[in-house]
Amino acid sequence: MRSYLDFEKPVAELDAKLDELRTLAASGSDIGDEITRVEERASQALVGLYANLTPWQKTLVARHPQRPHLLDFVGALITEFTPLAGDRKFGEDEAMVGGFGRFRGESICVIGQEKGATTENRLKHNFGMARPEGYRKAARLMEMADRFNIPVLSLVDTAGAYPGIGAEERGQAEAIARSTDVCLQLGVPNVAVITGEGMSGGAIAITTASRVLMLEHAIYSVISPEGAASILWRDAAKAQEAAINMKITAQDLLRFGVIDEIVKEPVGGAHRDPAAVIAATGDAIAHALDDLRNLDRDAIRTQRRQKFLEIGRKLG
C-alpha cells in the first residue's frame, strides 16, 4: 500500500477518488471518461508538486520508507553476491552490508548501509546507523578489493553513524576516519551513490570516492537539518529553515562540485517506481566505471585527491 507524504495530500485525494471510480467501474458503471479525467489531473498534480520541491520536501522524499534500499539495488544489479561479515576486531555490524559479486559481468566489491523495509529488518539493521565495527568491516573489504584489483561500489543511505555510548567507547570517530582514509588510498576506482540520506561522517566514511553520484531527491550533508537547527537555534522545529540554508540537495551539490552526477528519479520519487530508478542507477554506475577503467593506480589516486581538493577551492 502506497504511503503519502504530507505535501502530497492533493495527489492522495485524487488517487483515493480514482480508487472509488475504479471500484464503481468494476461493478459495471460506465465511467471510463471520468476515470481518464481524474487520472490526468492526478498525473499533472504529481508533476507540478515534484517540479518545485523545497529542500525540506526533498528531505522527506529521501527518507520515504518505501524508497529502494541497499539490498534492493544489490538484488537487481549484482549477480553472484557473496556477503562477508565481521571486522576481525570486535564483531559483525548488520547496518553495514558488504561483500563481493559481479556487476554486468565484472567483479565488484559492494558496501553500504541497509535501513530495512520492515520493523523486524529495521531493528536488525539498526535503521542503517553503523557502529565502529561496521566501518572497520567496510575498510577491511575495501582493502581486500584493492589487493585483488577489484573496483568498489558504495551505496549510501544513512541518517548517520550510531551515536550510542558503546559505539563511542569502541572508537566510532577513529573508525570513520580510518574508513575515509582507506577510500582515499585505494588504487582501484571507487564509485559512491547516495540513494537516500547521506548524513554526517557516517556517510562520508564510504562516500569519499572517485565518482560521487546522487539520486535526484536524495540529500547529503555533514549533519541532518534537525541536528543543525538544534545547534544553531536550539530548536529542532526550525529544521525546514536549516534545510534551505545548508544546501543539501543534489542540485545544489552538483553546482558546488561536491558530487559528479545526478541520477534522475521517476516523477513522484524513487519509491513510485523502484525498478526504473535502480536501472537508471545501474547505467550511471557503469558509465562512471568506464570513465575510470583505463587509469593506472597512481592516476586513480591523483584524480581522486584532486577532486576533493578542488571542492574546497570552489567553495572558498
Protein backbone atom coordinates (compact mmCIF):
# COMPACT_ATOMS: atom_id res chain seq x y z
CA MET A 1 0.00 0.00 0.00
CA ARG A 2 1.41 3.38 -1.02
CA SER A 3 2.01 5.92 1.74
CA TYR A 4 1.83 9.65 1.07
CA LEU A 5 3.91 12.48 2.45
CA ASP A 6 2.14 15.49 3.97
CA PHE A 7 2.77 17.74 0.97
CA GLU A 8 1.34 15.06 -1.35
CA LYS A 9 -2.17 15.45 0.08
CA PRO A 10 -3.69 16.79 -3.20
CA VAL A 11 -2.38 13.75 -5.06
CA ALA A 12 -3.55 11.40 -2.30
CA GLU A 13 -7.08 12.79 -2.58
CA LEU A 14 -7.14 12.32 -6.34
CA ASP A 15 -5.77 8.77 -6.03
CA ALA A 16 -8.47 7.98 -3.47
CA LYS A 17 -11.09 9.31 -5.88
CA LEU A 18 -9.60 7.12 -8.62
CA ASP A 19 -9.86 4.04 -6.42
CA GLU A 20 -13.54 4.79 -5.82
CA LEU A 21 -14.21 5.27 -9.52
CA ARG A 22 -12.39 2.06 -10.45
CA THR A 23 -14.44 0.16 -7.88
CA LEU A 24 -17.62 1.52 -9.44
CA ALA A 25 -16.33 0.66 -12.93
CA ALA A 26 -15.64 -2.88 -11.81
CA SER A 27 -19.26 -3.20 -10.73
CA GLY A 28 -20.45 -2.25 -14.20
CA SER A 29 -20.73 1.55 -14.17
CA ASP A 30 -19.83 3.29 -17.45
CA ILE A 31 -17.45 5.96 -16.09
CA GLY A 32 -14.36 5.41 -18.22
CA ASP A 33 -14.16 9.06 -19.33
CA GLU A 34 -14.35 10.30 -15.74
CA ILE A 35 -11.56 7.92 -14.71
CA THR A 36 -9.38 9.24 -17.55
CA ARG A 37 -10.00 12.86 -16.50
CA VAL A 38 -9.11 12.16 -12.87
CA GLU A 39 -6.01 10.19 -13.92
CA GLU A 40 -4.82 13.17 -15.94
CA ARG A 41 -5.47 15.55 -13.03
CA ALA A 42 -3.57 13.26 -10.63
CA SER A 43 -0.64 12.98 -13.04
CA GLN A 44 -0.49 16.74 -13.56
CA ALA A 45 -0.69 17.38 -9.82
CA LEU A 46 2.19 14.98 -9.18
CA VAL A 47 4.36 16.55 -11.91
CA GLY A 48 3.62 20.04 -10.55
CA LEU A 49 4.49 19.07 -6.99
CA TYR A 50 7.78 17.37 -7.83
CA ALA A 51 8.89 20.10 -10.23
CA ASN A 52 9.15 22.58 -7.37
CA LEU A 53 10.14 20.65 -4.24
CA THR A 54 11.70 22.63 -1.41
CA PRO A 55 14.86 21.29 0.27
CA TRP A 56 12.74 20.14 3.22
CA GLN A 57 10.30 18.32 0.94
CA LYS A 58 13.26 16.62 -0.74
CA THR A 59 14.42 15.58 2.73
CA LEU A 60 11.06 13.92 3.33
CA VAL A 61 11.23 12.16 -0.06
CA ALA A 62 14.78 10.97 0.67
CA ARG A 63 13.53 9.42 3.91
CA HIS A 64 10.42 7.79 2.42
CA PRO A 65 10.13 4.29 3.92
CA GLN A 66 9.20 2.75 0.54
CA ARG A 67 12.26 4.12 -1.21
CA PRO A 68 14.54 1.33 -2.57
CA HIS A 69 17.23 0.30 -0.10
CA LEU A 70 20.69 -1.20 -0.45
CA LEU A 71 19.53 -4.81 -0.73
CA ASP A 72 17.05 -3.81 -3.46
CA PHE A 73 19.90 -2.35 -5.51
CA VAL A 74 22.13 -5.34 -4.83
CA GLY A 75 19.40 -7.82 -5.73
CA ALA A 76 18.74 -6.11 -9.08
CA LEU A 77 22.24 -5.02 -10.12
CA ILE A 78 24.69 -7.50 -8.58
CA THR A 79 24.91 -11.17 -9.51
CA GLU A 80 26.69 -13.88 -7.52
CA PHE A 81 26.72 -11.58 -4.49
CA THR A 82 28.50 -13.08 -1.50
CA PRO A 83 28.17 -11.06 1.72
CA LEU A 84 31.09 -11.04 4.15
CA ALA A 85 30.78 -10.38 7.87
CA GLY A 86 32.87 -9.04 10.72
CA ASP A 87 35.67 -6.54 11.20
CA ARG A 88 38.15 -9.12 12.62
CA LYS A 89 38.43 -6.94 15.73
CA PHE A 90 35.10 -6.90 17.59
CA GLY A 91 32.18 -8.38 15.71
CA GLU A 92 29.59 -8.06 12.98
CA ASP A 93 27.55 -4.94 12.30
CA GLU A 94 24.28 -5.54 10.44
CA ALA A 95 23.78 -1.88 9.49
CA MET A 96 26.77 -2.00 7.13
CA VAL A 97 26.35 -4.68 4.47
CA GLY A 98 29.31 -5.63 2.32
CA GLY A 99 30.57 -8.32 0.03
CA PHE A 100 31.70 -9.27 -3.46
CA GLY A 101 29.79 -10.08 -6.62
CA ARG A 102 29.56 -9.21 -10.29
CA PHE A 103 28.24 -6.04 -11.88
CA ARG A 104 27.45 -6.56 -15.56
CA GLY A 105 29.90 -9.45 -15.68
CA GLU A 106 32.78 -7.72 -13.87
CA SER A 107 33.93 -8.38 -10.31
CA ILE A 108 32.99 -5.68 -7.81
CA CYS A 109 33.07 -5.01 -4.07
CA VAL A 110 29.80 -3.58 -2.72
CA ILE A 111 29.38 -1.86 0.63
CA GLY A 112 26.60 0.28 2.04
CA GLN A 113 24.06 0.90 4.76
CA GLU A 114 20.83 -1.07 4.84
CA LYS A 115 17.93 0.61 6.66
CA GLY A 116 15.48 -2.29 6.40
CA ALA A 117 11.98 -2.31 4.95
CA THR A 118 10.04 -3.92 7.80
CA THR A 119 10.05 -3.29 11.54
CA GLU A 120 11.98 -6.50 12.12
CA ASN A 121 14.60 -5.66 9.49
CA ARG A 122 14.93 -2.07 10.66
CA LEU A 123 15.77 -3.30 14.14
CA LYS A 124 18.13 -5.93 12.73
CA HIS A 125 19.99 -3.35 10.65
CA ASN A 126 19.79 -0.64 13.34
CA PHE A 127 17.98 1.68 10.90
CA GLY A 128 21.13 1.92 8.77
CA MET A 129 23.22 3.51 11.53
CA ALA A 130 26.51 1.64 11.65
CA ARG A 131 28.70 1.12 14.71
CA PRO A 132 32.53 1.21 14.60
CA GLU A 133 32.74 -2.44 13.61
CA GLY A 134 30.65 -1.61 10.53
CA TYR A 135 33.14 0.99 9.33
CA ARG A 136 36.06 -1.30 10.15
CA LYS A 137 34.36 -4.03 8.12
CA ALA A 138 33.97 -1.56 5.24
CA ALA A 139 37.67 -0.67 5.45
CA ARG A 140 38.60 -4.36 5.54
CA LEU A 141 36.58 -5.12 2.42
CA MET A 142 37.90 -2.10 0.55
CA GLU A 143 41.48 -3.11 1.34
CA MET A 144 40.71 -6.64 0.15
CA ALA A 145 39.26 -5.26 -3.08
CA ASP A 146 42.33 -3.09 -3.56
CA ARG A 147 44.60 -6.10 -3.07
CA PHE A 148 42.82 -8.03 -5.83
CA ASN A 149 42.32 -5.01 -8.12
CA ILE A 150 38.51 -5.03 -7.83
CA PRO A 151 36.52 -1.75 -8.09
CA VAL A 152 34.47 -0.63 -5.08
CA LEU A 153 30.83 0.47 -5.16
CA SER A 154 29.32 2.26 -2.15
CA LEU A 155 25.55 2.63 -1.83
CA VAL A 156 24.89 5.25 0.80
CA ASP A 157 21.70 5.71 2.82
CA THR A 158 22.10 6.61 6.48
CA ALA A 159 20.92 9.18 8.98
CA GLY A 160 24.45 8.99 10.42
CA ALA A 161 26.71 6.71 12.38
CA TYR A 162 25.21 5.21 15.55
CA PRO A 163 25.84 7.66 18.43
CA GLY A 164 25.49 5.23 21.35
CA ILE A 165 27.87 5.05 24.31
CA GLY A 166 29.18 1.63 23.33
CA ALA A 167 29.96 2.86 19.81
CA GLU A 168 31.88 5.83 21.17
CA GLU A 169 33.76 3.61 23.61
CA ARG A 170 34.84 1.37 20.73
CA GLY A 171 36.21 4.31 18.73
CA GLN A 172 33.46 5.48 16.40
CA ALA A 173 35.33 8.61 15.27
CA GLU A 174 38.56 6.70 14.61
CA ALA A 175 36.72 4.01 12.65
CA ILE A 176 35.02 6.61 10.44
CA ALA A 177 38.31 8.44 9.87
CA ARG A 178 40.07 5.17 9.05
CA SER A 179 37.39 4.18 6.53
CA THR A 180 37.59 7.62 4.89
CA ASP A 181 41.37 7.30 4.66
CA VAL A 182 41.08 3.86 3.05
CA CYS A 183 38.72 5.35 0.42
CA LEU A 184 41.33 7.98 -0.44
CA GLN A 185 44.20 5.47 -0.64
CA LEU A 186 42.51 2.98 -2.96
CA GLY A 187 44.36 2.28 -6.19
CA VAL A 188 41.19 0.93 -7.76
CA PRO A 189 38.19 3.01 -8.92
CA ASN A 190 35.51 3.58 -6.30
CA VAL A 191 32.06 4.92 -7.09
CA ALA A 192 29.60 6.09 -4.45
CA VAL A 193 25.85 6.55 -4.95
CA ILE A 194 23.79 8.46 -2.39
CA THR A 195 20.41 6.79 -2.74
CA GLY A 196 18.52 8.44 0.13
CA GLU A 197 20.12 10.17 3.10
CA GLY A 198 23.85 10.81 3.17
CA MET A 199 24.28 12.28 6.60
CA SER A 200 27.38 13.14 8.60
CA GLY A 201 30.62 11.18 8.84
CA GLY A 202 28.57 8.02 8.72
CA ALA A 203 28.07 8.72 5.01
CA ILE A 204 31.41 10.37 4.24
CA ALA A 205 33.24 7.28 5.52
CA ILE A 206 32.27 5.36 2.38
CA THR A 207 31.44 8.24 0.01
CA THR A 208 34.96 9.62 -0.48
CA ALA A 209 35.09 8.22 -3.98
CA SER A 210 36.48 8.77 -7.46
CA ARG A 211 32.93 9.47 -8.62
CA VAL A 212 30.05 10.53 -6.36
CA LEU A 213 26.55 10.11 -7.79
CA MET A 214 23.31 11.15 -6.17
CA LEU A 215 19.68 10.33 -6.83
CA GLU A 216 17.62 13.37 -7.80
CA HIS A 217 15.76 13.67 -4.50
CA ALA A 218 18.49 12.39 -2.17
CA ILE A 219 20.21 14.63 0.40
CA TYR A 220 23.85 14.87 1.51
CA SER A 221 25.26 16.89 4.39
CA VAL A 222 27.59 16.89 7.41
CA ILE A 223 24.57 16.94 9.72
CA SER A 224 20.81 16.46 9.50
CA PRO A 225 18.57 19.55 9.25
CA GLU A 226 17.14 18.74 12.70
CA GLY A 227 20.63 18.48 14.18
CA ALA A 228 21.74 21.75 12.61
CA ALA A 229 18.60 23.52 13.85
CA SER A 230 19.16 22.21 17.38
CA ILE A 231 22.74 23.52 17.39
CA LEU A 232 22.15 26.87 15.69
CA TRP A 233 18.79 27.85 17.15
CA ARG A 234 18.30 25.31 19.93
CA ASP A 235 15.04 24.49 18.21
CA ALA A 236 14.63 21.35 16.08
CA ALA A 237 11.37 22.82 14.74
CA LYS A 238 13.49 25.09 12.54
CA ALA A 239 14.69 22.09 10.54
CA GLN A 240 12.95 23.39 7.41
CA GLU A 241 14.88 26.65 7.59
CA ALA A 242 18.10 24.74 8.19
CA ALA A 243 17.47 22.51 5.17
CA ILE A 244 17.15 25.56 2.92
CA ASN A 245 20.35 27.20 4.16
CA MET A 246 22.51 24.06 4.30
CA LYS A 247 22.34 23.39 0.53
CA ILE A 248 21.78 19.65 0.96
CA THR A 249 20.03 18.86 -2.33
CA ALA A 250 21.62 17.09 -5.28
CA GLN A 251 21.09 20.17 -7.46
CA ASP A 252 23.00 22.47 -5.08
CA LEU A 253 25.78 19.95 -4.51
CA LEU A 254 26.30 19.40 -8.23
CA ARG A 255 26.60 23.17 -8.68
CA PHE A 256 29.24 23.33 -5.94
CA GLY A 257 31.18 20.40 -7.36
CA VAL A 258 30.63 18.19 -4.32
CA ILE A 259 29.03 15.46 -6.44
CA ASP A 260 29.65 14.49 -10.05
CA GLU A 261 26.26 13.44 -11.42
CA ILE A 262 22.55 13.37 -10.62
CA VAL A 263 20.58 10.21 -11.38
CA LYS A 264 17.06 11.21 -12.41
CA GLU A 265 14.16 9.70 -10.47
CA PRO A 266 10.69 8.86 -11.80
CA VAL A 267 8.06 11.56 -11.33
CA GLY A 268 6.90 11.25 -7.74
CA GLY A 269 10.20 9.91 -6.42
CA ALA A 270 12.11 6.64 -6.44
CA HIS A 271 9.50 4.96 -4.23
CA ARG A 272 6.89 5.19 -7.01
CA ASP A 273 8.95 3.16 -9.48
CA PRO A 274 11.90 1.44 -7.76
CA ALA A 275 12.73 -0.74 -10.78
CA ALA A 276 13.16 2.29 -13.05
CA VAL A 277 15.42 4.18 -10.67
CA ILE A 278 17.52 1.09 -9.94
CA ALA A 279 18.01 0.54 -13.69
CA ALA A 280 19.00 4.21 -14.18
CA THR A 281 21.41 3.94 -11.28
CA GLY A 282 22.99 0.85 -12.80
CA ASP A 283 23.58 2.73 -16.07
CA ALA A 284 25.15 5.66 -14.22
CA ILE A 285 27.45 3.35 -12.25
CA ALA A 286 28.54 1.60 -15.44
CA HIS A 287 29.30 4.93 -17.10
CA ALA A 288 31.34 6.12 -14.11
CA LEU A 289 33.37 2.92 -14.01
CA ASP A 290 34.00 3.12 -17.76
CA ASP A 291 35.44 6.62 -17.33
CA LEU A 292 37.97 5.26 -14.80
CA ARG A 293 38.72 1.93 -16.44
CA ASN A 294 41.95 2.87 -18.25
CA LEU A 295 43.61 4.79 -15.39
CA ASP A 296 46.53 3.19 -13.54
CA ARG A 297 46.66 3.06 -9.76
CA ASP A 298 48.66 6.25 -9.31
CA ALA A 299 46.43 8.15 -11.71
CA ILE A 300 43.31 7.00 -9.85
CA ARG A 301 44.70 8.22 -6.52
CA THR A 302 45.83 11.52 -8.02
CA GLN A 303 42.50 12.13 -9.72
CA ARG A 304 40.56 11.36 -6.55
CA ARG A 305 42.80 13.58 -4.41
CA GLN A 306 42.50 16.45 -6.87
CA LYS A 307 38.74 16.07 -7.00
CA PHE A 308 38.39 16.70 -3.27
CA LEU A 309 40.98 19.48 -3.18
CA GLU A 310 39.06 21.32 -5.87
CA ILE A 311 35.85 21.20 -3.83
CA GLY A 312 37.48 23.31 -1.14
CA ARG A 313 38.85 25.78 -3.69
CA LYS A 314 35.47 26.18 -5.39
CA LEU A 315 33.67 26.78 -2.10
CA GLY A 316 36.46 29.02 -0.80
